[in-house]
C-alpha atoms as a PDB file:
ATOM      1  CA  MET A   1    -128.026 125.816-221.480  1.00  0.00           C
ATOM      2  CA  LEU A   2    -124.720 126.365-219.737  1.00  0.00           C
ATOM      3  CA  GLN A   3    -122.785 129.532-220.488  1.00  0.00           C
ATOM      4  CA  PHE A   4    -119.408 130.380-218.990  1.00  0.00           C
ATOM      5  CA  ASP A   5    -116.598 132.893-218.960  1.00  0.00           C
ATOM      6  CA  VAL A   6    -113.145 132.468-217.457  1.00  0.00           C
ATOM      7  CA  LEU A   7    -111.004 135.021-215.644  1.00  0.00           C
ATOM      8  CA  PRO A   8    -107.424 134.198-214.568  1.00  0.00           C
ATOM      9  CA  VAL A   9    -106.704 135.656-211.115  1.00  0.00           C
ATOM     10  CA  THR A  10    -103.777 136.013-208.675  1.00  0.00           C
ATOM     11  CA  PRO A  11    -100.084 135.717-209.572  1.00  0.00           C
ATOM     12  CA  PHE A  12    -100.739 131.989-210.137  1.00  0.00           C
ATOM     13  CA  GLN A  13    -103.091 132.904-213.021  1.00  0.00           C
ATOM     14  CA  GLN A  14    -105.692 130.461-211.774  1.00  0.00           C
ATOM     15  CA  ASN A  15    -108.730 130.125-214.035  1.00  0.00           C
ATOM     16  CA  CYS A  16    -111.847 131.136-212.130  1.00  0.00           C
ATOM     17  CA  SER A  17    -114.953 130.185-214.107  1.00  0.00           C
ATOM     18  CA  LEU A  18    -118.239 132.029-213.972  1.00  0.00           C
ATOM     19  CA  VAL A  19    -120.935 129.580-215.067  1.00  0.00           C
ATOM     20  CA  TRP A  20    -124.588 130.395-215.563  1.00  0.00           C
ATOM     21  CA  CYS A  21    -127.905 129.225-216.954  1.00  0.00           C
ATOM     22  CA  ASP A  22    -128.807 131.256-220.031  1.00  0.00           C
ATOM     23  CA  LYS A  23    -132.530 130.956-219.215  1.00  0.00           C
ATOM     24  CA  SER A  24    -132.585 132.096-215.571  1.00  0.00           C
ATOM     25  CA  LEU A  25    -129.220 133.951-215.474  1.00  0.00           C
ATOM     26  CA  GLU A  26    -128.517 132.168-212.192  1.00  0.00           C
ATOM     27  CA  GLY A  27    -124.797 131.608-211.836  1.00  0.00           C
ATOM     28  CA  ALA A  28    -121.949 130.273-209.752  1.00  0.00           C
ATOM     29  CA  LEU A  29    -118.230 130.947-209.440  1.00  0.00           C
ATOM     30  CA  ILE A  30    -116.001 127.903-209.700  1.00  0.00           C
ATOM     31  CA  ASP A  31    -112.687 128.184-207.807  1.00  0.00           C
ATOM     32  CA  PRO A  32    -112.560 131.902-206.901  1.00  0.00           C
ATOM     33  CA  GLY A  33    -108.856 132.058-206.111  1.00  0.00           C
ATOM     34  CA  GLY A  34    -108.761 135.777-205.286  1.00  0.00           C
ATOM     35  CA  GLU A  35    -109.245 139.279-206.701  1.00  0.00           C
ATOM     36  CA  VAL A  36    -112.895 139.275-205.683  1.00  0.00           C
ATOM     37  CA  GLU A  37    -113.646 142.728-207.104  1.00  0.00           C
ATOM     38  CA  ARG A  38    -112.546 141.605-210.569  1.00  0.00           C
ATOM     39  CA  LEU A  39    -114.689 138.496-210.274  1.00  0.00           C
ATOM     40  CA  LEU A  40    -117.726 140.522-209.262  1.00  0.00           C
ATOM     41  CA  GLY A  41    -117.067 142.787-212.234  1.00  0.00           C
ATOM     42  CA  LEU A  42    -117.276 139.729-214.474  1.00  0.00           C
ATOM     43  CA  VAL A  43    -120.575 138.758-212.829  1.00  0.00           C
ATOM     44  CA  GLU A  44    -121.938 142.253-213.433  1.00  0.00           C
ATOM     45  CA  LYS A  45    -120.743 142.238-217.040  1.00  0.00           C
ATOM     46  CA  HIS A  46    -122.895 139.201-217.786  1.00  0.00           C
ATOM     47  CA  ASN A  47    -125.853 140.349-215.665  1.00  0.00           C
ATOM     48  CA  VAL A  48    -125.714 137.118-213.668  1.00  0.00           C
ATOM     49  CA  THR A  49    -127.169 136.542-210.198  1.00  0.00           C
ATOM     50  CA  LEU A  50    -124.787 134.458-208.115  1.00  0.00           C
ATOM     51  CA  SER A  51    -126.347 131.640-206.099  1.00  0.00           C
ATOM     52  CA  LYS A  52    -123.301 129.687-204.910  1.00  0.00           C
ATOM     53  CA  VAL A  53    -119.554 129.141-204.923  1.00  0.00           C
ATOM     54  CA  LEU A  54    -118.270 125.801-206.222  1.00  0.00           C
ATOM     55  CA  LEU A  55    -114.848 124.427-205.301  1.00  0.00           C
ATOM     56  CA  THR A  56    -112.954 121.671-207.108  1.00  0.00           C
ATOM     57  CA  HIS A  57    -110.278 121.306-204.424  1.00  0.00           C
ATOM     58  CA  GLY A  58    -108.818 122.975-201.375  1.00  0.00           C
ATOM     59  CA  HIS A  59    -105.614 124.640-202.578  1.00  0.00           C
ATOM     60  CA  LEU A  60    -105.317 128.314-201.686  1.00  0.00           C
ATOM     61  CA  ASP A  61    -104.927 129.588-205.238  1.00  0.00           C
ATOM     62  CA  HIS A  62    -108.372 128.103-205.979  1.00  0.00           C
ATOM     63  CA  VAL A  63    -110.216 129.056-202.793  1.00  0.00           C
ATOM     64  CA  GLY A  64    -108.552 132.313-201.713  1.00  0.00           C
ATOM     65  CA  GLY A  65    -111.575 134.527-202.441  1.00  0.00           C
ATOM     66  CA  THR A  66    -114.178 132.134-201.059  1.00  0.00           C
ATOM     67  CA  ALA A  67    -114.519 133.482-197.518  1.00  0.00           C
ATOM     68  CA  GLU A  68    -114.949 137.050-198.763  1.00  0.00           C
ATOM     69  CA  LEU A  69    -117.635 136.039-201.264  1.00  0.00           C
ATOM     70  CA  LYS A  70    -119.421 133.936-198.660  1.00  0.00           C
ATOM     71  CA  LYS A  71    -119.400 136.783-196.144  1.00  0.00           C
ATOM     72  CA  ARG A  72    -120.283 139.641-198.501  1.00  0.00           C
ATOM     73  CA  LEU A  73    -122.996 137.925-200.533  1.00  0.00           C
ATOM     74  CA  GLN A  74    -124.155 135.216-198.111  1.00  0.00           C
ATOM     75  CA  LEU A  75    -123.398 132.567-200.705  1.00  0.00           C
ATOM     76  CA  PRO A  76    -123.309 128.866-199.856  1.00  0.00           C
ATOM     77  CA  VAL A  77    -120.002 127.146-200.572  1.00  0.00           C
ATOM     78  CA  ILE A  78    -120.389 123.766-202.261  1.00  0.00           C
ATOM     79  CA  GLY A  79    -117.491 121.293-202.494  1.00  0.00           C
ATOM     80  CA  PRO A  80    -114.964 119.898-202.731  1.00  0.00           C
ATOM     81  CA  HIS A  81    -115.012 116.310-201.387  1.00  0.00           C
ATOM     82  CA  LYS A  82    -114.495 116.107-197.616  1.00  0.00           C
ATOM     83  CA  ASP A  83    -111.074 114.472-198.084  1.00  0.00           C
ATOM     84  CA  ASP A  84    -109.775 117.987-198.840  1.00  0.00           C
ATOM     85  CA  ALA A  85    -110.954 119.344-195.481  1.00  0.00           C
ATOM     86  CA  PHE A  86    -107.372 119.309-194.174  1.00  0.00           C
ATOM     87  CA  TRP A  87    -106.316 121.672-196.971  1.00  0.00           C
ATOM     88  CA  ILE A  88    -109.099 124.134-196.161  1.00  0.00           C
ATOM     89  CA  ASP A  89    -108.377 123.883-192.437  1.00  0.00           C
ATOM     90  CA  GLY A  90    -104.729 124.641-193.217  1.00  0.00           C
ATOM     91  CA  LEU A  91    -105.200 127.836-195.231  1.00  0.00           C
ATOM     92  CA  GLU A  92    -102.830 129.793-192.968  1.00  0.00           C
ATOM     93  CA  GLY A  93    -100.027 127.340-193.637  1.00  0.00           C
ATOM     94  CA  GLN A  94    -100.767 127.368-197.350  1.00  0.00           C
ATOM     95  CA  ALA A  95    -100.624 131.171-197.397  1.00  0.00           C
ATOM     96  CA  HIS A  96     -97.232 131.114-195.696  1.00  0.00           C
ATOM     97  CA  MET A  97     -95.946 128.508-198.155  1.00  0.00           C
ATOM     98  CA  MET A  98     -97.166 130.450-201.215  1.00  0.00           C
ATOM     99  CA  ASN A  99     -96.265 133.898-199.835  1.00  0.00           C
ATOM    100  CA  PHE A 100     -99.935 134.955-199.969  1.00  0.00           C
ATOM    101  CA  SER A 101    -101.771 137.044-197.422  1.00  0.00           C
ATOM    102  CA  THR A 102    -103.822 134.776-195.165  1.00  0.00           C
ATOM    103  CA  PRO A 103    -107.517 134.735-196.142  1.00  0.00           C
ATOM    104  CA  GLU A 104    -110.335 134.416-193.654  1.00  0.00           C
ATOM    105  CA  HIS A 105    -111.189 130.868-192.728  1.00  0.00           C
ATOM    106  CA  PHE A 106    -114.375 129.273-194.061  1.00  0.00           C
ATOM    107  CA  GLN A 107    -116.109 125.932-194.020  1.00  0.00           C
ATOM    108  CA  PRO A 108    -118.004 124.519-196.994  1.00  0.00           C
ATOM    109  CA  ASP A 109    -121.757 124.332-196.517  1.00  0.00           C
ATOM    110  CA  GLN A 110    -121.859 121.059-198.430  1.00  0.00           C
ATOM    111  CA  TRP A 111    -119.218 118.473-199.236  1.00  0.00           C
ATOM    112  CA  LEU A 112    -119.574 116.677-202.566  1.00  0.00           C
ATOM    113  CA  VAL A 113    -119.296 112.978-203.382  1.00  0.00           C
ATOM    114  CA  ASP A 114    -118.969 111.118-206.647  1.00  0.00           C
ATOM    115  CA  GLY A 115    -122.289 111.039-208.492  1.00  0.00           C
ATOM    116  CA  ASP A 116    -123.775 114.139-206.884  1.00  0.00           C
ATOM    117  CA  ARG A 117    -125.391 116.756-209.106  1.00  0.00           C
ATOM    118  CA  VAL A 118    -125.223 120.512-208.517  1.00  0.00           C
ATOM    119  CA  SER A 119    -127.880 122.765-210.021  1.00  0.00           C
ATOM    120  CA  VAL A 120    -127.220 126.237-211.406  1.00  0.00           C
ATOM    121  CA  GLY A 121    -130.591 127.377-212.684  1.00  0.00           C
ATOM    122  CA  ASP A 122    -131.687 124.725-215.187  1.00  0.00           C
ATOM    123  CA  VAL A 123    -128.119 123.470-215.604  1.00  0.00           C
ATOM    124  CA  SER A 124    -127.209 120.283-213.732  1.00  0.00           C
ATOM    125  CA  LEU A 125    -123.503 119.645-213.199  1.00  0.00           C
ATOM    126  CA  GLN A 126    -122.356 116.086-212.552  1.00  0.00           C
ATOM    127  CA  VAL A 127    -119.797 115.639-209.769  1.00  0.00           C
ATOM    128  CA  ILE A 128    -116.900 113.277-210.492  1.00  0.00           C
ATOM    129  CA  HIS A 129    -114.493 112.544-207.632  1.00  0.00           C
ATOM    130  CA  CYS A 130    -110.993 112.591-209.164  1.00  0.00           C
ATOM    131  CA  PRO A 131    -108.342 112.139-206.442  1.00  0.00           C
ATOM    132  CA  GLY A 132    -104.630 112.342-207.105  1.00  0.00           C
ATOM    133  CA  HIS A 133    -103.641 116.013-207.173  1.00  0.00           C
ATOM    134  CA  THR A 134    -105.479 116.258-203.861  1.00  0.00           C
ATOM    135  CA  PRO A 135    -107.491 113.457-202.241  1.00  0.00           C
ATOM    136  CA  GLY A 136    -110.770 115.374-202.343  1.00  0.00           C
ATOM    137  CA  HIS A 137    -110.561 116.860-205.835  1.00  0.00           C
ATOM    138  CA  VAL A 138    -113.784 116.880-207.858  1.00  0.00           C
ATOM    139  CA  VAL A 139    -114.549 117.643-211.489  1.00  0.00           C
ATOM    140  CA  LEU A 140    -117.802 119.336-212.551  1.00  0.00           C
ATOM    141  CA  PHE A 141    -119.222 118.101-215.859  1.00  0.00           C
ATOM    142  CA  ASP A 142    -122.103 119.441-217.945  1.00  0.00           C
ATOM    143  CA  ASP A 143    -123.155 116.670-220.296  1.00  0.00           C
ATOM    144  CA  GLN A 144    -125.460 118.908-222.344  1.00  0.00           C
ATOM    145  CA  SER A 145    -122.690 121.254-223.473  1.00  0.00           C
ATOM    146  CA  GLN A 146    -119.974 118.588-223.154  1.00  0.00           C
ATOM    147  CA  THR A 147    -117.898 120.843-220.905  1.00  0.00           C
ATOM    148  CA  ALA A 148    -115.861 119.821-217.858  1.00  0.00           C
ATOM    149  CA  PHE A 149    -114.329 122.058-215.215  1.00  0.00           C
ATOM    150  CA  VAL A 150    -111.364 119.969-214.140  1.00  0.00           C
ATOM    151  CA  GLY A 151    -109.407 122.135-211.688  1.00  0.00           C
ATOM    152  CA  ASP A 152    -105.842 120.872-211.456  1.00  0.00           C
ATOM    153  CA  VAL A 153    -106.456 117.273-212.526  1.00  0.00           C
ATOM    154  CA  ILE A 154    -105.367 117.709-216.152  1.00  0.00           C
ATOM    155  CA  PHE A 155    -104.043 120.538-218.310  1.00  0.00           C
ATOM    156  CA  GLN A 156    -103.302 120.989-221.974  1.00  0.00           C
ATOM    157  CA  GLY A 157    -100.202 118.829-222.352  1.00  0.00           C
ATOM    158  CA  SER A 158     -99.754 118.143-218.650  1.00  0.00           C
ATOM    159  CA  ILE A 159    -101.335 116.845-215.440  1.00  0.00           C
ATOM    160  CA  GLY A 160    -101.592 118.044-211.856  1.00  0.00           C
ATOM    161  CA  ARG A 161     -98.732 117.865-209.398  1.00  0.00           C
ATOM    162  CA  THR A 162     -98.771 114.985-206.919  1.00  0.00           C
ATOM    163  CA  ASP A 163     -95.889 116.015-204.645  1.00  0.00           C
ATOM    164  CA  PHE A 164     -98.151 117.820-202.157  1.00  0.00           C
ATOM    165  CA  PRO A 165     -99.354 116.074-198.968  1.00  0.00           C
ATOM    166  CA  ARG A 166    -101.638 113.133-199.802  1.00  0.00           C
ATOM    167  CA  GLY A 167    -101.040 113.507-203.525  1.00  0.00           C
ATOM    168  CA  ASN A 168    -100.934 110.214-205.422  1.00  0.00           C
ATOM    169  CA  HIS A 169     -99.636 109.896-208.967  1.00  0.00           C
ATOM    170  CA  GLN A 170    -101.260 106.559-209.748  1.00  0.00           C
ATOM    171  CA  GLN A 171    -104.610 107.785-208.437  1.00  0.00           C
ATOM    172  CA  LEU A 172    -104.341 110.832-210.657  1.00  0.00           C
ATOM    173  CA  ILE A 173    -103.608 108.771-213.771  1.00  0.00           C
ATOM    174  CA  SER A 174    -106.552 106.508-212.948  1.00  0.00           C
ATOM    175  CA  SER A 175    -108.848 109.494-212.387  1.00  0.00           C
ATOM    176  CA  ILE A 176    -107.980 110.875-215.818  1.00  0.00           C
ATOM    177  CA  ARG A 177    -108.018 107.682-217.844  1.00  0.00           C
ATOM    178  CA  ASP A 178    -110.785 105.772-216.051  1.00  0.00           C
ATOM    179  CA  LYS A 179    -113.158 108.612-215.118  1.00  0.00           C
ATOM    180  CA  LEU A 180    -112.575 111.553-217.461  1.00  0.00           C
ATOM    181  CA  PHE A 181    -111.511 110.118-220.806  1.00  0.00           C
ATOM    182  CA  PRO A 182    -114.593 107.830-220.995  1.00  0.00           C
ATOM    183  CA  LEU A 183    -116.780 110.969-221.006  1.00  0.00           C
ATOM    184  CA  GLY A 184    -115.823 111.353-224.668  1.00  0.00           C
ATOM    185  CA  ASP A 185    -113.148 112.726-226.968  1.00  0.00           C
ATOM    186  CA  ASP A 186    -115.239 115.773-227.838  1.00  0.00           C
ATOM    187  CA  VAL A 187    -115.555 116.961-224.247  1.00  0.00           C
ATOM    188  CA  ARG A 188    -113.968 120.386-223.849  1.00  0.00           C
ATOM    189  CA  PHE A 189    -112.321 121.008-220.504  1.00  0.00           C
ATOM    190  CA  VAL A 190    -111.482 124.161-218.595  1.00  0.00           C
ATOM    191  CA  PRO A 191    -108.365 123.550-216.475  1.00  0.00           C
ATOM    192  CA  GLY A 192    -107.334 125.373-213.329  1.00  0.00           C
ATOM    193  CA  HIS A 193    -104.471 127.050-215.209  1.00  0.00           C
ATOM    194  CA  GLY A 194    -103.752 127.650-218.876  1.00  0.00           C
ATOM    195  CA  PRO A 195    -105.706 127.091-222.103  1.00  0.00           C
ATOM    196  CA  PHE A 196    -108.709 124.861-222.747  1.00  0.00           C
ATOM    197  CA  SER A 197    -108.352 121.504-224.457  1.00  0.00           C
ATOM    198  CA  THR A 198    -110.381 118.369-225.179  1.00  0.00           C
ATOM    199  CA  PHE A 199    -110.028 114.888-223.784  1.00  0.00           C
ATOM    200  CA  GLY A 200    -109.552 113.603-227.314  1.00  0.00           C
ATOM    201  CA  GLN A 201    -106.595 115.909-227.886  1.00  0.00           C
ATOM    202  CA  GLU A 202    -104.989 114.832-224.619  1.00  0.00           C
ATOM    203  CA  ARG A 203    -105.506 111.145-225.403  1.00  0.00           C
ATOM    204  CA  VAL A 204    -103.402 111.717-228.514  1.00  0.00           C
ATOM    205  CA  SER A 205    -100.760 114.187-227.361  1.00  0.00           C
ATOM    206  CA  ASN A 206    -100.496 114.434-223.566  1.00  0.00           C
ATOM    207  CA  PRO A 207     -97.081 112.986-222.593  1.00  0.00           C
ATOM    208  CA  PHE A 208     -98.403 111.758-219.226  1.00  0.00           C
ATOM    209  CA  VAL A 209    -101.711 110.086-220.080  1.00  0.00           C
ATOM    210  CA  SER A 210    -101.882 109.559-223.848  1.00  0.00           C
ATOM    211  CA  ASP A 211    -103.235 106.285-225.228  1.00  0.00           C
ATOM    212  CA  LYS A 212     -99.851 105.342-226.688  1.00  0.00           C
ATOM    213  CA  LEU A 213     -98.463 105.067-223.148  1.00  0.00           C
ATOM    214  CA  PHE A 214    -101.187 102.642-222.089  1.00  0.00           C
ATOM    215  CA  GLY A 215    -101.900 100.708-225.243  1.00  0.00           C
END
């Protein structure tokens, strides 16, 4: 069964999720945006053995600690979709834009596509390609626990920005309403920033994607 804990990191308070299988204690870090020592402290706290890094998209505040983790622990980096390769290749420019120190460059060991599954111990996460915020954004969904790790696709009461290069507002709306909401109202989601919510709550109250806007 999936277990997880979330630690906000960097001045952007990006939610990095530690996910693990409660049977094997094998785990993965989703979107390690930075502050690697704090993240490793979280891993130690839960007595988890890391087997991989998972990325939802290529923005610096979500990948900033990836190269260090890959180098120090020899972890494979899985995701996002290859359409975000230009973001990862452009980390230096992103760092300049966000006034971050420039992290070491890395390349994912595996790109993800819609319908893939990623194993963490006995847990199998479904990959859902959800472009809009970035073209290669993916969501990781555990159907057993009804939990989705959605990166910057949707937030409690809001949605991801689409004013970055290759962002697309209509794609983002379609990703949320056509791919995520059908997973079920009871699905809890962990966003890239801010508090958790459920798809059912957002269908009722989110001013960007609620059912009353599309009835």
